[in-house]
Full PDB file with SEQRES, HELIX, SHEET, SSBOND, CRYST1, ORIGX, SCALE, CONECT and MASTER records, all heavy atoms in Angstrom:
SEQRES   1 A   40  ALA LEU HIS GLY TYR PHE ALA ARG ARG ALA PRO GLY ALA          
SEQRES   2 A   40  ALA ASP ASP LEU LEU ALA GLU ALA TRP LEU GLN ALA PHE          
SEQRES   3 A   40  ALA ALA ARG HIS THR PHE ASP ALA ALA ARG GLY SER ALA          
SEQRES   4 A   40  ARG                                                          
HELIX    1 AA1 LEU A    2  ARG A    9  1                                   8    
HELIX    2 AA2 PRO A   11  ALA A   13  5                                   3    
HELIX    3 AA3 ALA A   14  ALA A   27  1                                  14    
HELIX    4 AA4 ARG A   29  THR A   31  5                                   3    
HELIX    5 AA5 ALA A   34  ARG A   36  5                                   3    
CRYST1    1.000    1.000    1.000  90.00  90.00  90.00 P 1           1          
ORIGX1      1.000000  0.000000  0.000000        0.00000                         
ORIGX2      0.000000  1.000000  0.000000        0.00000                         
ORIGX3      0.000000  0.000000  1.000000        0.00000                         
SCALE1      1.000000  0.000000  0.000000        0.00000                         
SCALE2      0.000000  1.000000  0.000000        0.00000                         
SCALE3      0.000000  0.000000  1.000000        0.00000                         
ATOM      1  N   ALA A   1     -22.254 139.511 173.196  1.00  0.00           N  
ATOM      2  CA  ALA A   1     -21.087 139.322 172.249  1.00  0.00           C  
ATOM      3  C   ALA A   1     -19.812 140.077 172.773  1.00  0.00           C  
ATOM      4  O   ALA A   1     -18.706 139.566 172.732  1.00  0.00           O  
ATOM      5  CB  ALA A   1     -21.442 139.844 170.828  1.00  0.00           C  
ATOM      6  N   LEU A   2     -20.087 141.327 173.266  1.00  0.00           N  
ATOM      7  CA  LEU A   2     -18.936 142.099 173.775  1.00  0.00           C  
ATOM      8  C   LEU A   2     -18.372 141.419 175.075  1.00  0.00           C  
ATOM      9  O   LEU A   2     -17.152 141.379 175.280  1.00  0.00           O  
ATOM     10  CB  LEU A   2     -19.372 143.479 174.096  1.00  0.00           C  
ATOM     11  CG  LEU A   2     -19.694 144.359 172.918  1.00  0.00           C  
ATOM     12  CD1 LEU A   2     -20.331 145.695 173.244  1.00  0.00           C  
ATOM     13  CD2 LEU A   2     -18.452 144.600 172.028  1.00  0.00           C  
ATOM     14  N   HIS A   3     -19.280 140.863 175.869  1.00  0.00           N  
ATOM     15  CA  HIS A   3     -18.758 140.158 177.080  1.00  0.00           C  
ATOM     16  C   HIS A   3     -17.971 138.993 176.687  1.00  0.00           C  
ATOM     17  O   HIS A   3     -16.940 138.730 177.296  1.00  0.00           O  
ATOM     18  CB  HIS A   3     -19.970 139.801 178.011  1.00  0.00           C  
ATOM     19  CG  HIS A   3     -19.479 139.284 179.314  1.00  0.00           C  
ATOM     20  ND1 HIS A   3     -19.141 137.977 179.559  1.00  0.00           N  
ATOM     21  CD2 HIS A   3     -19.266 139.956 180.471  1.00  0.00           C  
ATOM     22  CE1 HIS A   3     -18.725 137.878 180.791  1.00  0.00           C  
ATOM     23  NE2 HIS A   3     -18.825 139.070 181.425  1.00  0.00           N  
ATOM     24  N   GLY A   4     -18.369 138.288 175.731  1.00  0.00           N  
ATOM     25  CA  GLY A   4     -17.603 137.127 175.196  1.00  0.00           C  
ATOM     26  C   GLY A   4     -16.247 137.488 174.705  1.00  0.00           C  
ATOM     27  O   GLY A   4     -15.194 136.834 174.901  1.00  0.00           O  
ATOM     28  N   TYR A   5     -16.248 138.661 174.003  1.00  0.00           N  
ATOM     29  CA  TYR A   5     -14.973 139.169 173.466  1.00  0.00           C  
ATOM     30  C   TYR A   5     -13.931 139.475 174.650  1.00  0.00           C  
ATOM     31  O   TYR A   5     -12.781 139.087 174.611  1.00  0.00           O  
ATOM     32  CB  TYR A   5     -15.269 140.449 172.736  1.00  0.00           C  
ATOM     33  CG  TYR A   5     -14.085 141.259 172.298  1.00  0.00           C  
ATOM     34  CD1 TYR A   5     -13.396 140.890 171.069  1.00  0.00           C  
ATOM     35  CD2 TYR A   5     -13.578 142.363 172.960  1.00  0.00           C  
ATOM     36  CE1 TYR A   5     -12.291 141.608 170.662  1.00  0.00           C  
ATOM     37  CE2 TYR A   5     -12.496 143.073 172.508  1.00  0.00           C  
ATOM     38  CZ  TYR A   5     -11.871 142.742 171.357  1.00  0.00           C  
ATOM     39  OH  TYR A   5     -10.759 143.410 170.917  1.00  0.00           O  
ATOM     40  N   PHE A   6     -14.520 140.063 175.738  1.00  0.00           N  
ATOM     41  CA  PHE A   6     -13.617 140.392 176.852  1.00  0.00           C  
ATOM     42  C   PHE A   6     -13.254 139.160 177.583  1.00  0.00           C  
ATOM     43  O   PHE A   6     -12.173 138.996 178.070  1.00  0.00           O  
ATOM     44  CB  PHE A   6     -14.342 141.401 177.748  1.00  0.00           C  
ATOM     45  CG  PHE A   6     -14.418 142.813 177.221  1.00  0.00           C  
ATOM     46  CD1 PHE A   6     -15.579 143.509 177.133  1.00  0.00           C  
ATOM     47  CD2 PHE A   6     -13.258 143.496 176.810  1.00  0.00           C  
ATOM     48  CE1 PHE A   6     -15.739 144.770 176.655  1.00  0.00           C  
ATOM     49  CE2 PHE A   6     -13.365 144.766 176.265  1.00  0.00           C  
ATOM     50  CZ  PHE A   6     -14.541 145.405 176.232  1.00  0.00           C  
ATOM     51  N   ALA A   7     -14.168 138.236 177.781  1.00  0.00           N  
ATOM     52  CA  ALA A   7     -13.971 137.017 178.556  1.00  0.00           C  
ATOM     53  C   ALA A   7     -12.953 136.169 177.967  1.00  0.00           C  
ATOM     54  O   ALA A   7     -12.109 135.495 178.560  1.00  0.00           O  
ATOM     55  CB  ALA A   7     -15.252 136.223 178.707  1.00  0.00           C  
ATOM     56  N   ARG A   8     -12.813 136.170 176.556  1.00  0.00           N  
ATOM     57  CA  ARG A   8     -11.803 135.334 175.959  1.00  0.00           C  
ATOM     58  C   ARG A   8     -10.391 135.985 176.072  1.00  0.00           C  
ATOM     59  O   ARG A   8      -9.300 135.298 176.048  1.00  0.00           O  
ATOM     60  CB  ARG A   8     -12.095 135.205 174.471  1.00  0.00           C  
ATOM     61  CG  ARG A   8     -13.188 134.237 174.187  1.00  0.00           C  
ATOM     62  CD  ARG A   8     -13.436 133.963 172.717  1.00  0.00           C  
ATOM     63  NE  ARG A   8     -13.830 135.198 171.946  1.00  0.00           N  
ATOM     64  CZ  ARG A   8     -15.111 135.663 171.867  1.00  0.00           C  
ATOM     65  NH1 ARG A   8     -16.016 135.068 172.570  1.00  0.00           N  
ATOM     66  NH2 ARG A   8     -15.316 136.708 171.097  1.00  0.00           N  
ATOM     67  N   ARG A   9     -10.334 137.312 176.238  1.00  0.00           N  
ATOM     68  CA  ARG A   9      -9.081 138.026 176.331  1.00  0.00           C  
ATOM     69  C   ARG A   9      -8.617 138.377 177.717  1.00  0.00           C  
ATOM     70  O   ARG A   9      -7.433 138.511 177.980  1.00  0.00           O  
ATOM     71  CB  ARG A   9      -9.140 139.347 175.409  1.00  0.00           C  
ATOM     72  CG  ARG A   9      -9.175 138.937 173.978  1.00  0.00           C  
ATOM     73  CD  ARG A   9      -9.866 140.016 173.086  1.00  0.00           C  
ATOM     74  NE  ARG A   9      -9.785 139.638 171.744  1.00  0.00           N  
ATOM     75  CZ  ARG A   9     -10.708 138.799 171.138  1.00  0.00           C  
ATOM     76  NH1 ARG A   9     -11.643 138.219 171.891  1.00  0.00           N  
ATOM     77  NH2 ARG A   9     -10.579 138.519 169.856  1.00  0.00           N  
ATOM     78  N   ALA A  10      -9.590 138.657 178.628  1.00  0.00           N  
ATOM     79  CA  ALA A  10      -9.246 138.996 180.002  1.00  0.00           C  
ATOM     80  C   ALA A  10     -10.325 138.453 180.863  1.00  0.00           C  
ATOM     81  O   ALA A  10     -11.160 139.206 181.386  1.00  0.00           O  
ATOM     82  CB  ALA A  10      -9.126 140.536 180.133  1.00  0.00           C  
ATOM     83  N   PRO A  11     -10.383 137.120 181.110  1.00  0.00           N  
ATOM     84  CA  PRO A  11     -11.457 136.510 181.819  1.00  0.00           C  
ATOM     85  C   PRO A  11     -11.823 137.089 183.188  1.00  0.00           C  
ATOM     86  O   PRO A  11     -13.011 137.268 183.482  1.00  0.00           O  
ATOM     87  CB  PRO A  11     -11.026 135.045 181.972  1.00  0.00           C  
ATOM     88  CG  PRO A  11      -9.954 134.830 180.931  1.00  0.00           C  
ATOM     89  CD  PRO A  11      -9.378 136.182 180.721  1.00  0.00           C  
ATOM     90  N   GLY A  12     -10.860 137.444 183.973  1.00  0.00           N  
ATOM     91  CA  GLY A  12     -11.128 137.974 185.288  1.00  0.00           C  
ATOM     92  C   GLY A  12     -11.682 139.396 185.259  1.00  0.00           C  
ATOM     93  O   GLY A  12     -12.148 139.825 186.294  1.00  0.00           O  
ATOM     94  N   ALA A  13     -11.590 140.072 184.163  1.00  0.00           N  
ATOM     95  CA  ALA A  13     -11.890 141.437 184.142  1.00  0.00           C  
ATOM     96  C   ALA A  13     -13.067 141.779 183.174  1.00  0.00           C  
ATOM     97  O   ALA A  13     -13.438 142.941 182.891  1.00  0.00           O  
ATOM     98  CB  ALA A  13     -10.775 142.323 183.792  1.00  0.00           C  
ATOM     99  N   ALA A  14     -13.641 140.702 182.581  1.00  0.00           N  
ATOM    100  CA  ALA A  14     -14.639 140.865 181.565  1.00  0.00           C  
ATOM    101  C   ALA A  14     -15.842 141.798 181.961  1.00  0.00           C  
ATOM    102  O   ALA A  14     -16.297 142.684 181.187  1.00  0.00           O  
ATOM    103  CB  ALA A  14     -15.206 139.560 181.085  1.00  0.00           C  
ATOM    104  N   ASP A  15     -16.354 141.591 183.145  1.00  0.00           N  
ATOM    105  CA  ASP A  15     -17.527 142.466 183.590  1.00  0.00           C  
ATOM    106  C   ASP A  15     -17.090 143.892 183.650  1.00  0.00           C  
ATOM    107  O   ASP A  15     -17.902 144.785 183.243  1.00  0.00           O  
ATOM    108  CB  ASP A  15     -18.071 141.971 184.990  1.00  0.00           C  
ATOM    109  CG  ASP A  15     -18.658 140.567 184.851  1.00  0.00           C  
ATOM    110  OD1 ASP A  15     -18.989 140.058 183.707  1.00  0.00           O  
ATOM    111  OD2 ASP A  15     -18.826 139.957 185.953  1.00  0.00           O  
ATOM    112  N   ASP A  16     -15.966 144.150 184.241  1.00  0.00           N  
ATOM    113  CA  ASP A  16     -15.527 145.610 184.396  1.00  0.00           C  
ATOM    114  C   ASP A  16     -15.224 146.227 183.028  1.00  0.00           C  
ATOM    115  O   ASP A  16     -15.530 147.312 182.782  1.00  0.00           O  
ATOM    116  CB  ASP A  16     -14.314 145.667 185.308  1.00  0.00           C  
ATOM    117  CG  ASP A  16     -14.580 145.351 186.781  1.00  0.00           C  
ATOM    118  OD1 ASP A  16     -15.760 145.454 187.126  1.00  0.00           O  
ATOM    119  OD2 ASP A  16     -13.702 145.027 187.528  1.00  0.00           O  
ATOM    120  N   LEU A  17     -14.601 145.398 182.171  1.00  0.00           N  
ATOM    121  CA  LEU A  17     -14.338 145.925 180.830  1.00  0.00           C  
ATOM    122  C   LEU A  17     -15.563 146.173 180.039  1.00  0.00           C  
ATOM    123  O   LEU A  17     -15.643 147.181 179.318  1.00  0.00           O  
ATOM    124  CB  LEU A  17     -13.329 144.907 180.108  1.00  0.00           C  
ATOM    125  CG  LEU A  17     -12.013 144.806 180.599  1.00  0.00           C  
ATOM    126  CD1 LEU A  17     -11.252 143.551 180.021  1.00  0.00           C  
ATOM    127  CD2 LEU A  17     -11.178 146.084 180.358  1.00  0.00           C  
ATOM    128  N   LEU A  18     -16.496 145.281 180.189  1.00  0.00           N  
ATOM    129  CA  LEU A  18     -17.861 145.545 179.466  1.00  0.00           C  
ATOM    130  C   LEU A  18     -18.491 146.803 179.942  1.00  0.00           C  
ATOM    131  O   LEU A  18     -18.920 147.611 179.171  1.00  0.00           O  
ATOM    132  CB  LEU A  18     -18.765 144.377 179.699  1.00  0.00           C  
ATOM    133  CG  LEU A  18     -20.129 144.485 179.032  1.00  0.00           C  
ATOM    134  CD1 LEU A  18     -20.004 144.593 177.509  1.00  0.00           C  
ATOM    135  CD2 LEU A  18     -20.981 143.326 179.460  1.00  0.00           C  
ATOM    136  N   ALA A  19     -18.461 147.055 181.306  1.00  0.00           N  
ATOM    137  CA  ALA A  19     -19.076 148.321 181.822  1.00  0.00           C  
ATOM    138  C   ALA A  19     -18.336 149.487 181.287  1.00  0.00           C  
ATOM    139  O   ALA A  19     -18.981 150.448 180.871  1.00  0.00           O  
ATOM    140  CB  ALA A  19     -19.075 148.244 183.369  1.00  0.00           C  
ATOM    141  N   GLU A  20     -17.009 149.487 181.286  1.00  0.00           N  
ATOM    142  CA  GLU A  20     -16.231 150.564 180.767  1.00  0.00           C  
ATOM    143  C   GLU A  20     -16.494 150.825 179.331  1.00  0.00           C  
ATOM    144  O   GLU A  20     -16.622 151.893 178.894  1.00  0.00           O  
ATOM    145  CB  GLU A  20     -14.756 150.323 181.071  1.00  0.00           C  
ATOM    146  CG  GLU A  20     -13.832 151.466 180.627  1.00  0.00           C  
ATOM    147  CD  GLU A  20     -14.183 152.765 181.298  1.00  0.00           C  
ATOM    148  OE1 GLU A  20     -14.671 152.787 182.450  1.00  0.00           O  
ATOM    149  OE2 GLU A  20     -13.944 153.826 180.670  1.00  0.00           O  
ATOM    150  N   ALA A  21     -16.649 149.745 178.555  1.00  0.00           N  
ATOM    151  CA  ALA A  21     -16.854 149.862 177.115  1.00  0.00           C  
ATOM    152  C   ALA A  21     -18.254 150.536 176.914  1.00  0.00           C  
ATOM    153  O   ALA A  21     -18.338 151.474 176.031  1.00  0.00           O  
ATOM    154  CB  ALA A  21     -16.844 148.486 176.439  1.00  0.00           C  
ATOM    155  N   TRP A  22     -19.251 150.146 177.659  1.00  0.00           N  
ATOM    156  CA  TRP A  22     -20.577 150.810 177.462  1.00  0.00           C  
ATOM    157  C   TRP A  22     -20.488 152.332 177.889  1.00  0.00           C  
ATOM    158  O   TRP A  22     -21.117 153.142 177.221  1.00  0.00           O  
ATOM    159  CB  TRP A  22     -21.666 150.086 178.205  1.00  0.00           C  
ATOM    160  CG  TRP A  22     -22.032 148.810 177.513  1.00  0.00           C  
ATOM    161  CD1 TRP A  22     -22.017 147.467 177.936  1.00  0.00           C  
ATOM    162  CD2 TRP A  22     -22.561 148.770 176.116  1.00  0.00           C  
ATOM    163  NE1 TRP A  22     -22.436 146.721 176.920  1.00  0.00           N  
ATOM    164  CE2 TRP A  22     -22.781 147.448 175.817  1.00  0.00           C  
ATOM    165  CE3 TRP A  22     -22.833 149.672 175.087  1.00  0.00           C  
ATOM    166  CZ2 TRP A  22     -23.271 146.939 174.580  1.00  0.00           C  
ATOM    167  CZ3 TRP A  22     -23.288 149.229 173.832  1.00  0.00           C  
ATOM    168  CH2 TRP A  22     -23.465 147.936 173.628  1.00  0.00           C  
ATOM    169  N   LEU A  23     -19.777 152.624 178.936  1.00  0.00           N  
ATOM    170  CA  LEU A  23     -19.670 154.006 179.353  1.00  0.00           C  
ATOM    171  C   LEU A  23     -18.980 154.820 178.299  1.00  0.00           C  
ATOM    172  O   LEU A  23     -19.430 155.818 177.907  1.00  0.00           O  
ATOM    173  CB  LEU A  23     -18.840 154.083 180.610  1.00  0.00           C  
ATOM    174  CG  LEU A  23     -19.535 153.666 181.906  1.00  0.00           C  
ATOM    175  CD1 LEU A  23     -18.560 153.649 183.110  1.00  0.00           C  
ATOM    176  CD2 LEU A  23     -20.653 154.623 182.240  1.00  0.00           C  
ATOM    177  N   GLN A  24     -17.904 154.245 177.657  1.00  0.00           N  
ATOM    178  CA  GLN A  24     -17.175 154.979 176.718  1.00  0.00           C  
ATOM    179  C   GLN A  24     -17.919 155.122 175.313  1.00  0.00           C  
ATOM    180  O   GLN A  24     -17.977 156.134 174.753  1.00  0.00           O  
ATOM    181  CB  GLN A  24     -15.831 154.323 176.386  1.00  0.00           C  
ATOM    182  CG  GLN A  24     -14.801 154.563 177.522  1.00  0.00           C  
ATOM    183  CD  GLN A  24     -13.435 154.114 177.196  1.00  0.00           C  
ATOM    184  OE1 GLN A  24     -13.031 154.020 176.016  1.00  0.00           O  
ATOM    185  NE2 GLN A  24     -12.651 153.822 178.259  1.00  0.00           N  
ATOM    186  N   ALA A  25     -18.660 154.045 175.016  1.00  0.00           N  
ATOM    187  CA  ALA A  25     -19.527 154.070 173.800  1.00  0.00           C  
ATOM    188  C   ALA A  25     -20.648 155.069 173.958  1.00  0.00           C  
ATOM    189  O   ALA A  25     -20.908 155.799 173.022  1.00  0.00           O  
ATOM    190  CB  ALA A  25     -20.065 152.668 173.511  1.00  0.00           C  
ATOM    191  N   PHE A  26     -21.242 155.117 175.116  1.00  0.00           N  
ATOM    192  CA  PHE A  26     -22.324 156.103 175.305  1.00  0.00           C  
ATOM    193  C   PHE A  26     -21.855 157.494 175.154  1.00  0.00           C  
ATOM    194  O   PHE A  26     -22.412 158.373 174.538  1.00  0.00           O  
ATOM    195  CB  PHE A  26     -23.052 155.829 176.613  1.00  0.00           C  
ATOM    196  CG  PHE A  26     -24.210 156.695 176.877  1.00  0.00           C  
ATOM    197  CD1 PHE A  26     -25.439 156.383 176.244  1.00  0.00           C  
ATOM    198  CD2 PHE A  26     -24.186 157.871 177.615  1.00  0.00           C  
ATOM    199  CE1 PHE A  26     -26.551 157.200 176.353  1.00  0.00           C  
ATOM    200  CE2 PHE A  26     -25.232 158.629 177.805  1.00  0.00           C  
ATOM    201  CZ  PHE A  26     -26.462 158.357 177.172  1.00  0.00           C  
ATOM    202  N   ALA A  27     -20.670 157.778 175.856  1.00  0.00           N  
ATOM    203  CA  ALA A  27     -20.112 159.107 175.799  1.00  0.00           C  
ATOM    204  C   ALA A  27     -19.689 159.511 174.411  1.00  0.00           C  
ATOM    205  O   ALA A  27     -19.713 160.654 174.102  1.00  0.00           O  
ATOM    206  CB  ALA A  27     -18.965 159.125 176.809  1.00  0.00           C  
ATOM    207  N   ALA A  28     -19.282 158.541 173.625  1.00  0.00           N  
ATOM    208  CA  ALA A  28     -18.775 158.828 172.262  1.00  0.00           C  
ATOM    209  C   ALA A  28     -19.831 158.557 171.149  1.00  0.00           C  
ATOM    210  O   ALA A  28     -19.386 158.603 170.010  1.00  0.00           O  
ATOM    211  CB  ALA A  28     -17.511 158.050 172.021  1.00  0.00           C  
ATOM    212  N   ARG A  29     -20.986 158.324 171.522  1.00  0.00           N  
ATOM    213  CA  ARG A  29     -22.034 157.902 170.480  1.00  0.00           C  
ATOM    214  C   ARG A  29     -22.155 158.899 169.368  1.00  0.00           C  
ATOM    215  O   ARG A  29     -22.438 158.599 168.276  1.00  0.00           O  
ATOM    216  CB  ARG A  29     -23.378 157.591 171.115  1.00  0.00           C  
ATOM    217  CG  ARG A  29     -24.014 158.792 171.736  1.00  0.00           C  
ATOM    218  CD  ARG A  29     -25.204 158.378 172.714  1.00  0.00           C  
ATOM    219  NE  ARG A  29     -25.959 159.456 173.234  1.00  0.00           N  
ATOM    220  CZ  ARG A  29     -25.609 160.177 174.201  1.00  0.00           C  
ATOM    221  NH1 ARG A  29     -24.468 159.923 174.884  1.00  0.00           N  
ATOM    222  NH2 ARG A  29     -26.375 161.153 174.700  1.00  0.00           N  
ATOM    223  N   HIS A  30     -21.851 160.170 169.624  1.00  0.00           N  
ATOM    224  CA  HIS A  30     -21.973 161.273 168.601  1.00  0.00           C  
ATOM    225  C   HIS A  30     -20.859 161.091 167.539  1.00  0.00           C  
ATOM    226  O   HIS A  30     -20.962 161.670 166.494  1.00  0.00           O  
ATOM    227  CB  HIS A  30     -21.898 162.638 169.213  1.00  0.00           C  
ATOM    228  CG  HIS A  30     -20.530 162.909 169.843  1.00  0.00           C  
ATOM    229  ND1 HIS A  30     -20.156 162.397 171.096  1.00  0.00           N  
ATOM    230  CD2 HIS A  30     -19.460 163.573 169.365  1.00  0.00           C  
ATOM    231  CE1 HIS A  30     -18.860 162.800 171.342  1.00  0.00           C  
ATOM    232  NE2 HIS A  30     -18.439 163.474 170.331  1.00  0.00           N  
ATOM    233  N   THR A  31     -19.835 160.256 167.784  1.00  0.00           N  
ATOM    234  CA  THR A  31     -18.772 160.025 166.834  1.00  0.00           C  
ATOM    235  C   THR A  31     -19.034 158.994 165.793  1.00  0.00           C  
ATOM    236  O   THR A  31     -18.277 158.853 164.839  1.00  0.00           O  
ATOM    237  CB  THR A  31     -17.411 159.742 167.500  1.00  0.00           C  
ATOM    238  OG1 THR A  31     -17.470 158.512 168.078  1.00  0.00           O  
ATOM    239  CG2 THR A  31     -17.035 160.857 168.532  1.00  0.00           C  
ATOM    240  N   PHE A  32     -20.141 158.208 166.007  1.00  0.00           N  
ATOM    241  CA  PHE A  32     -20.470 157.116 165.086  1.00  0.00           C  
ATOM    242  C   PHE A  32     -20.787 157.687 163.781  1.00  0.00           C  
ATOM    243  O   PHE A  32     -21.595 158.595 163.618  1.00  0.00           O  
ATOM    244  CB  PHE A  32     -21.632 156.252 165.603  1.00  0.00           C  
ATOM    245  CG  PHE A  32     -22.136 155.281 164.634  1.00  0.00           C  
ATOM    246  CD1 PHE A  32     -21.343 154.184 164.244  1.00  0.00           C  
ATOM    247  CD2 PHE A  32     -23.319 155.474 163.965  1.00  0.00           C  
ATOM    248  CE1 PHE A  32     -21.731 153.255 163.329  1.00  0.00           C  
ATOM    249  CE2 PHE A  32     -23.769 154.512 163.064  1.00  0.00           C  
ATOM    250  CZ  PHE A  32     -23.024 153.444 162.773  1.00  0.00           C  
ATOM    251  N   ASP A  33     -20.226 157.097 162.674  1.00  0.00           N  
ATOM    252  CA  ASP A  33     -20.489 157.470 161.323  1.00  0.00           C  
ATOM    253  C   ASP A  33     -20.698 156.176 160.474  1.00  0.00           C  
ATOM    254  O   ASP A  33     -19.812 155.387 160.235  1.00  0.00           O  
ATOM    255  CB  ASP A  33     -19.204 158.245 160.802  1.00  0.00           C  
ATOM    256  CG  ASP A  33     -19.358 158.657 159.358  1.00  0.00           C  
ATOM    257  OD1 ASP A  33     -20.456 158.402 158.773  1.00  0.00           O  
ATOM    258  OD2 ASP A  33     -18.486 159.263 158.823  1.00  0.00           O  
ATOM    259  N   ALA A  34     -21.999 156.035 160.104  1.00  0.00           N  
ATOM    260  CA  ALA A  34     -22.383 154.830 159.423  1.00  0.00           C  
ATOM    261  C   ALA A  34     -21.681 154.683 158.118  1.00  0.00           C  
ATOM    262  O   ALA A  34     -21.469 153.525 157.554  1.00  0.00           O  
ATOM    263  CB  ALA A  34     -23.860 154.810 159.185  1.00  0.00           C  
ATOM    264  N   ALA A  35     -21.209 155.767 157.572  1.00  0.00           N  
ATOM    265  CA  ALA A  35     -20.411 155.741 156.279  1.00  0.00           C  
ATOM    266  C   ALA A  35     -19.102 155.039 156.426  1.00  0.00           C  
ATOM    267  O   ALA A  35     -18.482 154.552 155.514  1.00  0.00           O  
ATOM    268  CB  ALA A  35     -20.218 157.098 155.714  1.00  0.00           C  
ATOM    269  N   ARG A  36     -18.565 154.895 157.702  1.00  0.00           N  
ATOM    270  CA  ARG A  36     -17.331 154.324 157.942  1.00  0.00           C  
ATOM    271  C   ARG A  36     -17.415 152.910 158.433  1.00  0.00           C  
ATOM    272  O   ARG A  36     -16.443 152.237 158.640  1.00  0.00           O  
ATOM    273  CB  ARG A  36     -16.549 155.200 158.958  1.00  0.00           C  
ATOM    274  CG  ARG A  36     -16.277 156.570 158.437  1.00  0.00           C  
ATOM    275  CD  ARG A  36     -15.546 157.428 159.424  1.00  0.00           C  
ATOM    276  NE  ARG A  36     -14.237 156.832 159.775  1.00  0.00           N  
ATOM    277  CZ  ARG A  36     -13.615 157.072 160.863  1.00  0.00           C  
ATOM    278  NH1 ARG A  36     -14.147 158.003 161.863  1.00  0.00           N  
ATOM    279  NH2 ARG A  36     -12.483 156.499 161.119  1.00  0.00           N  
ATOM    280  N   GLY A  37     -18.661 152.449 158.731  1.00  0.00           N  
ATOM    281  CA  GLY A  37     -18.847 151.047 159.257  1.00  0.00           C  
ATOM    282  C   GLY A  37     -20.089 150.907 159.965  1.00  0.00           C  
ATOM    283  O   GLY A  37     -20.866 151.903 160.234  1.00  0.00           O  
ATOM    284  N   SER A  38     -20.430 149.707 160.360  1.00  0.00           N  
ATOM    285  CA  SER A  38     -21.633 149.343 161.104  1.00  0.00           C  
ATOM    286  C   SER A  38     -21.570 149.735 162.605  1.00  0.00           C  
ATOM    287  O   SER A  38     -20.469 149.884 163.176  1.00  0.00           O  
ATOM    288  CB  SER A  38     -21.917 147.894 160.988  1.00  0.00           C  
ATOM    289  OG  SER A  38     -20.905 147.097 161.731  1.00  0.00           O  
ATOM    290  N   ALA A  39     -22.729 149.766 163.243  1.00  0.00           N  
ATOM    291  CA  ALA A  39     -22.762 150.011 164.661  1.00  0.00           C  
ATOM    292  C   ALA A  39     -22.058 148.878 165.378  1.00  0.00           C  
ATOM    293  O   ALA A  39     -21.225 149.172 166.314  1.00  0.00           O  
ATOM    294  CB  ALA A  39     -24.208 150.110 165.081  1.00  0.00           C  
ATOM    295  N   ARG A  40     -22.241 147.660 164.908  1.00  0.00           N  
ATOM    296  CA  ARG A  40     -21.508 146.524 165.506  1.00  0.00           C  
ATOM    297  C   ARG A  40     -19.954 146.708 165.473  1.00  0.00           C  
ATOM    298  O   ARG A  40     -19.268 146.533 166.457  1.00  0.00           O  
ATOM    299  CB  ARG A  40     -21.953 145.244 164.873  1.00  0.00           C  
ATOM    300  CG  ARG A  40     -21.319 143.978 165.503  1.00  0.00           C  
ATOM    301  CD  ARG A  40     -21.811 142.752 164.767  1.00  0.00           C  
ATOM    302  NE  ARG A  40     -21.514 141.494 165.527  1.00  0.00           N  
ATOM    303  CZ  ARG A  40     -20.313 140.988 165.633  1.00  0.00           C  
ATOM    304  NH1 ARG A  40     -19.323 141.473 165.051  1.00  0.00           N  
ATOM    305  NH2 ARG A  40     -20.219 139.815 166.372  1.00  0.00           N  
TER     306      ARG A  40                                                      
MASTER        0    0    0    5    0    0    0    6  305    1    0    4          
END                                                                             
């Protein structure tokens, strides 16, 4: 789903953007607050 999101907005960079998103999400995982919204 995230790759599709990137592919629709930046087709040539979707793979790199997806990798960066996962790196940032992993690094910031401690900031997730279920009271503010879903994991998705």
